[in-house]
Protein backbone atom coordinates (compact mmCIF):
# COMPACT_ATOMS: atom_id res chain seq x y z
CA MET A 1 -10.96 6.29 5.58
CA THR A 2 -8.14 8.35 4.13
CA VAL A 3 -4.60 7.25 3.42
CA SER A 4 -3.34 9.36 6.34
CA GLU A 5 -5.89 7.87 8.72
CA LEU A 6 -4.88 4.35 7.68
CA CYS A 7 -1.19 5.15 8.17
CA SER A 8 -1.90 6.49 11.66
CA ALA A 9 -3.96 3.43 12.55
CA LEU A 10 -1.37 0.94 11.32
CA GLY A 11 1.72 2.72 12.60
CA GLY A 12 4.97 1.81 10.93
CA GLU A 13 7.15 4.12 8.88
CA VAL A 14 5.76 6.33 6.13
CA GLN A 15 8.54 6.13 3.56
CA CYS A 16 6.76 8.26 0.98
CA ALA A 17 3.95 10.64 1.96
CA GLY A 18 1.90 10.55 -1.23
CA ALA A 19 -1.64 11.90 -1.20
CA GLY A 20 -2.74 11.46 2.39
CA GLU A 21 -6.18 12.94 1.77
CA ARG A 22 -7.20 10.28 -0.76
CA GLU A 23 -10.02 7.98 0.24
CA ILE A 24 -9.35 4.25 0.46
CA THR A 25 -12.26 2.24 -0.86
CA GLU A 26 -11.08 -1.27 0.05
CA ALA A 27 -7.95 -3.36 0.57
CA ILE A 28 -6.16 -6.03 -1.38
CA ALA A 29 -3.24 -8.26 -0.43
CA GLY A 30 -0.91 -10.14 -2.71
CA ASP A 31 2.62 -10.50 -3.94
CA LEU A 32 1.95 -11.67 -7.48
CA LEU A 33 1.94 -8.53 -9.59
CA SER A 34 -0.20 -10.03 -12.35
CA PHE A 35 -2.82 -10.99 -9.75
CA ILE A 36 -2.96 -7.43 -8.45
CA MET A 37 -3.16 -6.08 -12.00
CA GLY A 38 -6.06 -8.42 -12.65
CA VAL A 39 -8.20 -7.91 -9.57
CA ALA A 40 -7.29 -4.70 -7.71
CA ARG A 41 -9.84 -1.93 -7.93
CA GLU A 42 -9.13 1.76 -8.09
CA GLY A 43 -8.65 3.31 -4.66
CA ALA A 44 -7.63 0.11 -2.85
CA ALA A 45 -4.87 -0.11 -0.27
CA TRP A 46 -2.35 -2.75 -1.40
CA VAL A 47 -0.49 -4.90 1.14
CA THR A 48 2.52 -6.80 -0.10
CA ILE A 49 6.02 -7.90 0.80
CA GLN A 50 7.26 -6.94 -2.65
CA ALA A 51 9.63 -3.99 -2.49
CA HIS A 52 10.94 -3.16 -5.95
CA LEU A 53 10.29 -0.66 -8.72
CA ASN A 54 7.67 -2.75 -10.55
CA VAL A 55 5.35 -2.37 -7.56
CA ALA A 56 4.98 1.33 -8.39
CA ALA A 57 4.08 0.53 -11.99
CA VAL A 58 1.25 -1.74 -10.84
CA ALA A 59 0.01 0.85 -8.35
CA VAL A 60 -0.05 3.49 -11.07
CA LEU A 61 -1.82 1.17 -13.50
CA LYS A 62 -4.57 0.37 -10.98
CA ASP A 63 -4.66 3.82 -9.34
CA LEU A 64 -3.82 2.47 -5.89
CA PRO A 65 -3.11 5.35 -3.47
CA ILE A 66 -1.05 3.41 -0.93
CA ILE A 67 1.37 0.50 -0.92
CA ILE A 68 1.85 -1.13 2.47
CA ILE A 69 5.04 -3.15 2.61
CA ALA A 70 4.75 -5.77 5.35
CA ALA A 71 7.17 -7.90 7.34
CA GLY A 72 9.61 -5.10 8.08
CA ARG A 73 10.72 -4.76 4.49
CA LYS A 74 11.70 -1.34 3.22
CA ALA A 75 11.20 0.25 -0.17
CA PRO A 76 14.40 0.92 -2.10
CA ASP A 77 15.22 4.42 -3.30
CA ASP A 78 14.05 3.86 -6.89
CA LEU A 79 10.62 2.71 -5.71
CA LEU A 80 10.33 5.70 -3.38
CA GLU A 81 11.34 8.12 -6.13
CA ARG A 82 8.70 6.73 -8.48
CA CYS A 83 6.00 6.75 -5.79
CA ASN A 84 6.89 10.31 -4.90
CA THR A 85 6.49 11.29 -8.55
CA GLU A 86 3.15 9.48 -8.78
CA ASN A 87 1.87 10.73 -5.39
CA ILE A 88 1.57 7.21 -3.97
CA THR A 89 2.04 6.63 -0.24
CA VAL A 90 4.47 3.91 0.84
CA LEU A 91 4.11 2.60 4.37
CA SER A 92 6.52 0.04 5.80
CA VAL A 93 5.20 -1.97 8.75
CA PRO A 94 6.89 -4.63 10.90
CA GLU A 95 3.84 -6.91 11.03
CA SER A 96 3.28 -9.83 8.69
CA LEU A 97 1.00 -9.47 5.70
CA TYR A 98 -1.60 -11.50 7.60
CA GLU A 99 -1.42 -9.27 10.67
CA VAL A 100 -1.75 -6.11 8.57
CA CYS A 101 -4.81 -7.52 6.81
CA ALA A 102 -6.38 -8.44 10.15
CA LYS A 103 -5.83 -4.89 11.41
CA MET A 104 -7.36 -3.39 8.28
CA HIS A 105 -10.35 -5.70 8.57
CA ALA A 106 -10.82 -4.59 12.18
CA LEU A 107 -10.75 -0.98 10.92
CA GLY A 108 -13.65 -1.77 8.63
CA LEU A 109 -11.86 -2.08 5.32
CA LYS A 110 -13.25 -4.80 3.10
CA GLY A 111 -11.10 -6.88 0.82
């Protein structure tokens, strides 16, 4: 599944387009940045409610192509600017983190 296909399936608002053609290998959910730095694998879709600039740094470090911000939260301008520079997609969705994970599981993404 590509980033664009995942965005279409989940709905929500694409706040930063990023590299829509990139393949997503799996998904990870978490709000603790050190946890994500420790366990996320390259190519994973990251679901979080964190919406600040440090999120982009973690995504770059782990080569995560998409950040999905749950619970109706929106990325601030500085996060969007950094993600645009790094070609990372930012998707804001109204559903809870749990609901987003359930949808991704139903789409066949493993965590």
